[in-house]
Amino acid sequence: MALSGRPDRRVSDLVLDLAPMQEASDVADLFASLARSVMKRLHADACLVSVCDEEFRYLRDVAASVMP
């Protein structure tokens, strides 16, 4: 599914969301930053990041972010 129209944020604003991901010291920090960025970008109240383990056929939750 393709999104039409222009994004409601400038590229410079999106770069600010990438900074915490680039500064992550481990995978857990990276996933936590991803959850926060997605939540902010979508104006959501919460975001849950899960990883699919195809070998064992299950989802594992790895990070979450919730608005206060």
Protein backbone atom coordinates (compact mmCIF):
# COMPACT_ATOMS: atom_id res chain seq x y z
CA MET A 1 0.00 0.00 0.00
CA ALA A 2 1.56 3.28 -1.07
CA LEU A 3 1.00 6.54 0.74
CA SER A 4 0.07 9.49 -1.40
CA GLY A 5 0.88 13.14 -0.86
CA ARG A 6 3.75 14.77 0.95
CA PRO A 7 4.73 13.87 4.50
CA ASP A 8 3.60 16.35 7.14
CA ARG A 9 7.16 16.73 8.45
CA ARG A 10 10.32 18.09 6.92
CA VAL A 11 13.34 15.85 6.35
CA SER A 12 15.23 17.75 9.05
CA ASP A 13 12.54 16.72 11.55
CA LEU A 14 12.85 13.08 10.54
CA VAL A 15 16.63 13.21 11.00
CA LEU A 16 16.04 14.14 14.64
CA ASP A 17 14.17 10.84 15.07
CA LEU A 18 17.15 8.94 13.64
CA ALA A 19 19.71 10.39 16.06
CA PRO A 20 18.73 8.19 19.05
CA MET A 21 18.84 5.09 16.83
CA GLN A 22 22.32 5.98 15.59
CA GLU A 23 23.50 6.51 19.18
CA ALA A 24 22.12 3.19 20.43
CA SER A 25 24.73 1.20 22.30
CA ASP A 26 22.99 -2.16 21.89
CA VAL A 27 20.09 -3.80 20.09
CA ALA A 28 17.67 -3.13 22.96
CA ASP A 29 18.41 0.62 22.75
CA LEU A 30 17.95 0.50 18.99
CA PHE A 31 14.51 -1.12 19.27
CA ALA A 32 13.46 1.28 22.06
CA SER A 33 14.43 4.26 19.89
CA LEU A 34 12.55 2.76 16.96
CA ALA A 35 9.41 2.39 19.10
CA ARG A 36 9.63 6.02 20.26
CA SER A 37 10.21 7.30 16.72
CA VAL A 38 7.31 5.33 15.25
CA MET A 39 5.02 6.46 18.04
CA LYS A 40 5.94 10.11 17.51
CA ARG A 41 5.70 9.88 13.71
CA LEU A 42 2.26 8.26 13.75
CA HIS A 43 0.98 10.39 16.67
CA ALA A 44 0.09 7.15 18.43
CA ASP A 45 -0.47 6.61 22.13
CA ALA A 46 1.74 3.51 22.15
CA CYS A 47 3.98 1.38 19.96
CA LEU A 48 5.11 -2.22 20.39
CA VAL A 49 8.05 -3.61 18.42
CA SER A 50 8.12 -7.38 17.93
CA VAL A 51 10.55 -9.67 16.15
CA CYS A 52 9.33 -12.68 14.22
CA ASP A 53 11.33 -15.84 14.82
CA GLU A 54 10.44 -17.89 11.76
CA GLU A 55 12.45 -20.91 12.86
CA PHE A 56 10.43 -21.37 16.05
CA ARG A 57 7.28 -19.69 14.65
CA TYR A 58 6.61 -17.08 17.32
CA LEU A 59 6.70 -13.32 17.89
CA ARG A 60 8.91 -11.89 20.61
CA ASP A 61 8.22 -8.39 21.93
CA VAL A 62 11.48 -6.47 22.11
CA ALA A 63 10.50 -2.87 22.86
CA ALA A 64 7.58 -0.60 23.64
CA SER A 65 6.88 3.09 24.04
CA VAL A 66 3.82 4.63 25.68
CA MET A 67 2.70 8.25 26.01
CA PRO A 68 2.68 9.41 29.64
